[in-house]
Protein backbone atom coordinates (compact mmCIF):
# COMPACT_ATOMS: atom_id res chain seq x y z
CA UNK A 1 114.56 91.93 158.55
CA UNK A 2 113.43 95.57 158.68
CA UNK A 3 109.76 96.53 158.64
CA UNK A 4 109.94 100.06 157.26
CA UNK A 5 106.60 101.40 156.11
CA UNK A 6 106.12 101.52 152.35
CA UNK A 7 106.22 105.01 150.85
CA UNK A 8 104.62 105.94 147.55
CA UNK A 9 105.06 109.39 146.02
CA UNK A 10 103.60 110.66 142.76
CA UNK A 11 106.55 112.20 140.92
CA UNK A 12 104.91 112.72 137.52
CA UNK A 13 101.47 112.51 135.92
CA UNK A 14 99.61 113.47 132.78
CA UNK A 15 97.91 116.84 132.66
CA UNK A 16 95.30 117.39 129.98
CA UNK A 17 96.20 120.28 127.70
CA UNK A 18 99.87 120.31 128.68
CA UNK A 19 102.55 119.65 126.07
CA UNK A 20 105.75 118.49 127.74
CA UNK A 21 108.96 119.83 126.15
CA UNK A 22 111.35 117.17 124.89
CA UNK A 23 113.98 118.31 127.40
CA UNK A 24 111.62 117.72 130.34
CA UNK A 25 110.69 114.31 128.95
CA UNK A 26 114.36 113.37 129.04
CA UNK A 27 114.83 114.82 132.54
CA UNK A 28 112.36 112.34 134.09
CA UNK A 29 114.19 109.46 132.42
CA UNK A 30 117.56 110.76 133.55
CA UNK A 31 116.45 111.03 137.17
CA UNK A 32 114.82 107.59 137.03
CA UNK A 33 118.11 106.18 135.75
CA UNK A 34 119.78 107.59 138.84
CA UNK A 35 117.63 105.37 141.06
CA UNK A 36 119.23 102.31 139.45
CA UNK A 37 122.64 103.33 140.82
CA UNK A 38 121.50 105.08 143.98
CA UNK A 39 123.78 104.83 147.03
CA UNK A 40 122.19 105.47 150.42
CA UNK A 41 119.05 107.57 150.83
CA UNK A 42 119.85 110.40 148.44
CA UNK A 43 116.93 112.38 146.99
CA UNK A 44 117.64 111.85 143.31
CA UNK A 45 114.61 113.85 142.19
CA UNK A 46 115.97 117.07 143.70
CA UNK A 47 119.55 116.74 142.47
CA UNK A 48 121.33 119.44 140.46
CA UNK A 49 120.17 119.66 136.86
CA UNK A 50 123.74 119.34 135.60
CA UNK A 51 124.09 115.85 137.07
CA UNK A 52 120.82 114.74 135.53
CA UNK A 53 121.80 116.05 132.09
CA UNK A 54 125.11 114.21 132.29
CA UNK A 55 123.31 110.98 133.18
CA UNK A 56 120.90 111.48 130.24
CA UNK A 57 123.83 111.63 127.83
CA UNK A 58 125.32 108.53 129.44
CA UNK A 59 122.12 106.46 129.29
CA UNK A 60 121.36 107.49 125.71
CA UNK A 61 124.88 106.62 124.68
CA UNK A 62 124.94 103.16 126.26
CA UNK A 63 121.47 102.19 125.02
CA UNK A 64 119.80 102.20 128.46
CA UNK A 65 116.58 103.53 126.93
CA UNK A 66 114.04 101.83 129.19
CA UNK A 67 114.28 104.65 131.75
CA UNK A 68 112.71 106.99 129.20
CA UNK A 69 109.54 104.90 129.14
CA UNK A 70 108.46 106.75 132.28
CA UNK A 71 107.53 109.74 130.13
CA UNK A 72 104.57 109.47 127.77
CA UNK A 73 102.99 111.79 125.26
CA UNK A 74 99.38 111.65 124.11
CA UNK A 75 98.74 112.53 120.48
CA UNK A 76 95.39 113.37 118.94
CA UNK A 77 95.94 112.36 115.31
CA UNK A 78 93.48 113.38 112.59
CA UNK A 79 93.47 112.31 108.94
CA UNK A 80 95.36 109.14 109.83
CA UNK A 81 95.07 106.30 107.28
CA UNK A 82 93.59 103.18 108.85
CA UNK A 83 96.55 101.07 107.69
CA UNK A 84 98.97 103.34 109.55
CA UNK A 85 96.83 103.13 112.67
CA UNK A 86 96.98 99.33 112.36
CA UNK A 87 100.78 99.46 112.16
CA UNK A 88 101.01 101.78 115.18
CA UNK A 89 98.96 99.49 117.42
CA UNK A 90 100.83 96.40 116.21
CA UNK A 91 103.86 97.63 118.18
CA UNK A 92 102.01 96.88 121.44
CA UNK A 93 103.37 99.68 123.69
CA UNK A 94 100.55 102.16 123.36
CA UNK A 95 97.13 103.22 124.52
CA UNK A 96 94.68 104.10 121.77
CA UNK A 97 91.12 105.38 121.46
CA UNK A 98 90.27 105.24 117.75
CA UNK A 99 87.16 106.29 115.86
CA UNK A 100 85.12 103.12 115.43
CA UNK A 101 83.83 101.86 112.11
CA UNK A 102 81.37 99.73 114.06
CA UNK A 103 79.57 102.67 115.66
CA UNK A 104 80.17 105.62 113.31
CA UNK A 105 79.89 106.18 109.58
CA UNK A 106 83.17 106.59 107.73
CA UNK A 107 83.11 109.97 105.96
CA UNK A 108 86.59 110.82 104.66
CA UNK A 109 86.51 108.59 101.59
CA UNK A 110 86.34 109.02 97.81
CA UNK A 111 82.98 109.64 96.15
CA UNK A 112 82.93 106.12 94.70
CA UNK A 113 83.63 104.58 98.11
CA UNK A 114 80.94 106.75 99.67
CA UNK A 115 78.37 105.58 97.14
CA UNK A 116 79.27 101.93 97.66
CA UNK A 117 79.30 102.36 101.43
CA UNK A 118 75.82 103.91 101.45
CA UNK A 119 74.54 101.27 99.02
CA UNK A 120 75.75 98.39 101.17
CA UNK A 121 74.72 100.03 104.41
CA UNK A 122 71.14 99.93 103.10
CA UNK A 123 71.49 96.40 101.71
CA UNK A 124 72.88 95.06 105.01
CA UNK A 125 70.14 96.85 106.92
CA UNK A 126 67.48 95.18 104.78
CA UNK A 127 69.17 91.77 104.79
CA UNK A 128 69.62 91.72 108.56
CA UNK A 129 65.95 92.57 109.04
CA UNK A 130 65.01 89.68 106.73
CA UNK A 131 67.16 87.11 108.53
CA UNK A 132 66.80 88.43 112.08
CA UNK A 133 63.49 90.38 112.20
CA UNK A 134 63.57 90.72 115.99
CA UNK A 135 66.85 92.67 116.09
CA UNK A 136 66.28 96.22 117.44
CA UNK A 137 66.69 99.02 114.90
CA UNK A 138 69.73 100.60 116.60
CA UNK A 139 71.59 97.29 116.69
CA UNK A 140 70.67 96.63 113.06
CA UNK A 141 72.09 100.02 112.10
CA UNK A 142 75.31 99.33 114.00
CA UNK A 143 75.73 95.94 112.35
CA UNK A 144 75.07 97.52 108.95
CA UNK A 145 77.85 100.08 109.50
CA UNK A 146 80.14 97.35 110.81
CA UNK A 147 79.78 95.37 107.60
CA UNK A 148 79.56 98.23 105.08
CA UNK A 149 83.02 99.46 106.17
CA UNK A 150 84.57 96.37 104.55
CA UNK A 151 84.08 98.02 101.16
CA UNK A 152 86.12 101.14 102.04
CA UNK A 153 89.87 101.41 101.41
CA UNK A 154 92.31 100.57 104.19
CA UNK A 155 93.78 104.01 103.41
CA UNK A 156 90.55 105.66 104.56
CA UNK A 157 91.26 108.55 106.91
CA UNK A 158 90.34 108.15 110.55
CA UNK A 159 91.29 109.79 113.82
CA UNK A 160 92.20 108.78 117.32
CA UNK A 161 94.05 109.49 120.54
CA UNK A 162 97.34 107.59 120.89
CA UNK A 163 99.67 107.52 123.89
CA UNK A 164 103.28 106.40 123.51
CA UNK A 165 106.24 106.50 125.83
CA UNK A 166 109.13 108.58 124.51
CA UNK A 167 111.28 105.53 123.83
CA UNK A 168 108.60 103.73 121.82
CA UNK A 169 107.70 106.84 119.86
CA UNK A 170 111.32 107.29 118.78
CA UNK A 171 111.66 103.62 117.87
CA UNK A 172 108.54 103.89 115.69
CA UNK A 173 109.90 107.01 114.00
CA UNK A 174 113.09 105.16 113.13
CA UNK A 175 111.28 102.03 111.93
CA UNK A 176 109.20 104.27 109.65
CA UNK A 177 112.42 105.79 108.33
CA UNK A 178 113.77 102.30 107.63
CA UNK A 179 110.63 101.39 105.70
CA UNK A 180 110.75 104.60 103.65
CA UNK A 181 114.43 104.18 102.81
CA UNK A 182 114.03 100.51 101.90
CA UNK A 183 111.14 101.27 99.54
CA UNK A 184 112.19 104.67 98.18
CA UNK A 185 112.42 103.40 94.58
CA UNK A 186 109.11 101.53 94.59
CA UNK A 187 106.31 102.51 92.18
CA UNK A 188 103.74 100.38 94.00
CA UNK A 189 100.65 102.40 94.97
CA UNK A 190 100.32 100.78 98.40
CA UNK A 191 103.99 101.24 99.33
CA UNK A 192 104.23 104.81 98.01
CA UNK A 193 101.04 105.84 99.81
CA UNK A 194 102.09 104.20 103.07
CA UNK A 195 105.57 105.77 102.87
CA UNK A 196 104.02 109.19 102.27
CA UNK A 197 101.90 108.96 105.40
CA UNK A 198 104.79 107.54 107.44
CA UNK A 199 106.80 110.61 106.50
CA UNK A 200 103.93 112.83 107.60
CA UNK A 201 103.93 111.08 110.96
CA UNK A 202 107.69 111.58 111.28
CA UNK A 203 107.40 115.27 110.42
CA UNK A 204 104.54 116.02 112.80
CA UNK A 205 106.21 114.26 115.77
CA UNK A 206 109.63 115.84 115.17
CA UNK A 207 109.41 117.79 118.45
CA UNK A 208 110.05 114.50 120.27
CA UNK A 209 112.65 112.98 117.98
CA UNK A 210 115.93 112.11 119.72
CA UNK A 211 118.81 111.12 117.44
CA UNK A 212 120.43 108.73 119.90
CA UNK A 213 117.24 106.85 120.75
CA UNK A 214 117.41 104.08 118.14
CA UNK A 215 116.83 100.39 118.83
CA UNK A 216 120.14 98.64 118.25
CA UNK A 217 118.72 95.11 118.44
CA UNK A 218 117.98 94.29 114.79
CA UNK A 219 114.35 95.31 115.21
CA UNK A 220 111.92 96.58 112.59
CA UNK A 221 108.15 96.89 112.22
CA UNK A 222 106.81 93.76 113.89
CA UNK A 223 103.75 93.32 111.67
CA UNK A 224 105.82 92.18 108.69
CA UNK A 225 107.37 88.71 108.54
CA UNK A 226 111.03 87.95 109.21
CA UNK A 227 112.93 85.70 106.79
CA UNK A 228 114.55 83.71 109.59
CA UNK A 229 111.24 82.54 111.12
CA UNK A 230 109.42 79.53 109.65
CA UNK A 231 105.95 80.37 111.03
CA UNK A 232 105.09 76.65 111.21
CA UNK A 233 101.94 75.57 113.03
CA UNK A 234 102.13 73.82 116.41
CA UNK A 235 99.93 73.50 119.50
CA UNK A 236 100.96 72.99 123.11
CA UNK A 237 101.61 75.29 126.06
CA UNK A 238 102.72 77.67 123.28
CA UNK A 239 101.08 77.74 119.87
CA UNK A 240 101.46 79.00 116.32
CA UNK A 241 98.61 79.03 113.80
CA UNK A 242 98.18 80.45 110.29
CA UNK A 243 94.93 81.66 108.74
CA UNK A 244 93.45 84.27 106.42
CA UNK A 245 91.88 87.45 107.69
CA UNK A 246 90.84 90.88 106.43
CA UNK A 247 92.14 94.29 107.47
CA UNK A 248 89.00 94.62 109.61
CA UNK A 249 89.82 91.49 111.59
CA UNK A 250 93.51 92.39 111.80
CA UNK A 251 92.64 95.66 113.50
CA UNK A 252 90.52 93.75 116.02
CA UNK A 253 92.99 91.00 116.91
CA UNK A 254 95.92 93.37 117.35
CA UNK A 255 94.21 94.58 120.50
CA UNK A 256 95.29 91.32 122.13
CA UNK A 257 98.74 92.69 122.88
CA UNK A 258 99.96 89.56 124.68
CA UNK A 259 99.71 87.67 121.36
CA UNK A 260 101.98 88.16 118.34
CA UNK A 261 100.47 88.68 114.89
CA UNK A 262 102.50 88.72 111.68
CA UNK A 263 101.33 89.30 108.09
CA UNK A 264 102.71 86.50 105.90
CA UNK A 265 101.60 87.76 102.48
CA UNK A 266 102.75 90.80 100.53
CA UNK A 267 99.82 93.14 101.20
CA UNK A 268 101.21 95.67 98.73
CA UNK A 269 100.11 93.43 95.84
CA UNK A 270 96.69 94.00 94.35
CA UNK A 271 94.04 92.11 96.37
CA UNK A 272 93.05 88.71 95.07
CA UNK A 273 90.45 87.61 97.63
CA UNK A 274 87.82 89.38 99.73
CA UNK A 275 85.85 88.58 102.86
CA UNK A 276 82.16 87.84 102.21
CA UNK A 277 79.88 88.40 105.24
CA UNK A 278 78.04 85.11 105.89
CA UNK A 279 74.63 86.76 106.03
CA UNK A 280 74.70 87.54 102.30
CA UNK A 281 72.89 85.09 100.04
CA UNK A 282 74.35 83.88 96.74
CA UNK A 283 73.01 86.78 94.67
CA UNK A 284 74.13 89.43 97.15
CA UNK A 285 77.52 87.73 97.55
CA UNK A 286 78.16 88.00 93.81
CA UNK A 287 77.14 91.67 93.80
CA UNK A 288 79.37 92.28 96.84
CA UNK A 289 82.39 90.75 95.13
CA UNK A 290 81.70 92.63 91.90
CA UNK A 291 81.64 95.94 93.77
CA UNK A 292 84.84 95.09 95.64
CA UNK A 293 86.49 94.19 92.36
CA UNK A 294 85.62 97.66 91.00
CA UNK A 295 87.72 99.29 93.75
CA UNK A 296 90.40 96.61 93.97
CA UNK A 297 93.10 99.22 93.28
CA UNK A 298 92.15 101.05 96.49
CA UNK A 299 92.87 98.01 98.73
CA UNK A 300 89.45 97.56 100.39
CA UNK A 301 89.23 96.61 104.06
CA UNK A 302 87.72 93.30 102.92
CA UNK A 303 91.06 92.23 101.37
CA UNK A 304 92.09 88.79 102.64
CA UNK A 305 95.67 87.76 103.41
CA UNK A 306 97.50 85.19 105.53
CA UNK A 307 98.61 85.97 109.07
CA UNK A 308 100.47 84.02 111.72
CA UNK A 309 99.28 84.08 115.34
CA UNK A 310 101.69 83.03 118.10
CA UNK A 311 101.38 83.05 121.85
CA UNK A 312 100.93 81.05 125.03
CA UNK A 313 97.82 79.05 125.83
CA UNK A 314 96.77 81.23 128.80
CA UNK A 315 96.63 84.31 126.60
CA UNK A 316 94.70 82.47 123.90
CA UNK A 317 92.11 81.51 126.53
CA UNK A 318 91.87 85.20 127.46
CA UNK A 319 91.19 85.93 123.80
CA UNK A 320 88.34 83.39 123.87
CA UNK A 321 86.77 85.29 126.78
CA UNK A 322 86.51 88.42 124.63
CA UNK A 323 85.95 87.04 121.14
CA UNK A 324 83.68 84.00 121.59
CA UNK A 325 80.94 86.43 122.41
CA UNK A 326 77.72 87.65 120.83
CA UNK A 327 79.02 91.24 120.95
CA UNK A 328 82.33 90.49 119.21
CA UNK A 329 82.98 91.40 115.58
CA UNK A 330 81.81 88.39 113.56
CA UNK A 331 84.88 87.60 111.44
CA UNK A 332 87.11 87.71 114.53
CA UNK A 333 84.70 85.53 116.49
CA UNK A 334 84.54 82.92 113.73
CA UNK A 335 88.32 82.75 113.43
CA UNK A 336 88.81 82.46 117.19
CA UNK A 337 86.34 79.57 117.21
CA UNK A 338 88.18 77.88 114.31
CA UNK A 339 91.53 78.27 116.07
CA UNK A 340 90.12 76.86 119.32
CA UNK A 341 88.72 73.82 117.50
CA UNK A 342 92.08 73.28 115.81
CA UNK A 343 93.88 73.70 119.15
CA UNK A 344 91.65 71.08 120.80
CA UNK A 345 92.08 68.67 117.87
CA UNK A 346 95.88 68.88 118.08
CA UNK A 347 96.33 68.47 121.86
CA UNK A 348 95.53 65.82 124.43
CA UNK A 349 95.42 65.18 128.16
CA UNK A 350 94.82 68.01 130.64
CA UNK A 351 95.36 70.72 128.06
CA UNK A 352 92.75 69.29 125.71
CA UNK A 353 90.31 68.98 128.60
CA UNK A 354 90.91 72.57 129.70
CA UNK A 355 90.54 74.04 126.22
CA UNK A 356 87.34 72.09 125.59
CA UNK A 357 85.69 74.11 128.38
CA UNK A 358 85.77 77.21 126.20
CA UNK A 359 84.14 75.90 123.02
CA UNK A 360 80.91 77.77 123.71
CA UNK A 361 79.68 81.33 124.02
CA UNK A 362 81.82 83.06 126.64
CA UNK A 363 78.83 84.18 128.72
CA UNK A 364 78.64 80.52 129.77
CA UNK A 365 82.16 80.57 131.21
CA UNK A 366 81.88 80.07 135.00
CA UNK A 367 83.71 83.27 136.04
CA UNK A 368 82.50 85.68 133.34
CA UNK A 369 79.99 88.30 134.38
CA UNK A 370 78.26 89.89 131.37
CA UNK A 371 77.28 93.43 132.32
CA UNK A 372 75.14 93.81 129.21
CA UNK A 373 73.59 90.51 128.09
CA UNK A 374 73.29 90.51 124.28
CA UNK A 375 70.28 89.82 122.09
CA UNK A 376 71.64 86.46 120.92
CA UNK A 377 71.62 84.66 124.22
CA UNK A 378 74.05 81.95 125.28
CA UNK A 379 73.15 79.44 122.59
CA UNK A 380 73.32 81.63 119.46
CA UNK A 381 76.19 83.92 120.47
CA UNK A 382 78.74 82.03 118.35
CA UNK A 383 76.31 80.60 115.80
CA UNK A 384 75.06 83.91 114.34
CA UNK A 385 75.68 85.08 110.76
CA UNK A 386 76.04 88.79 111.43
């Protein structure tokens, strides 16, 4: 057995402010493909360009697209509808830094939405102070923004930085094209609006579109259900669970990329149910629902619909580490707790014993080190109403 010293060479990296031409993006993939078939100790990264170009055509033609994942592009997207951002991150292969509705006020909305947002920002601020008078002002303001955003449309315009590899970007472009073609005759507001913005995305990323880079494996946008899957519930070393959530929660849970999330309802239909923040009393809850009903046609972020969550138990436990926490968004925390309780109820033996360890605020987990202890403390972290 030889003991040659490991060698590591940086052959590509991201440079801020540099826009890689599509041809160069393909070149890196073509050279990387050459490593797969390399004979001897040939320096594939200094070969003649003609050989690389020939290999690019070959790999594109035979569907060997994974080699093109070595090249990424980072897009700063402005005026992006929140629903389209949700769909982009649902495809898992990405890095994203998106303007937060928990820490910033949402500004690019209609006048009616703005008025309702400001109204409920003030109402939440007052209500939080009544229920939790010891909460610091800055935290109260953040929690007020976090809850007021429920009343804004899921088509609200946001912005963010998104990084995709060239293969994934082209797959997304083609899945958007499929969606547009499938729904081209629809008069539904949601579908027409979403299709319009998908087309904008296609047009503005056309510099990186490659005709041959299409997924030939019967794939489509993963967020929407497939007719051949039952989405039944079960709990074991793998699990499947169904529950209702809002667009706000959906955006949060999609960040757990090791878990699959699928929307089971037709979200293009007019909303029939809305999330009501638990901190609201009966009178405020009625006013909240009345205001949401007045903008029902805009598909508020508070719209509730059924989703399916599927994964393996280890990754669900990782989700508990992040979401059973005093700093986690409330709706997501409550649902994670409900799922954990259901998981424990439907298992036994060692698995039941292991899962039972996590039915508490995650700062009490033996190997979790909270860098910033929250105001709630270990006991109230998952019992709060805001």
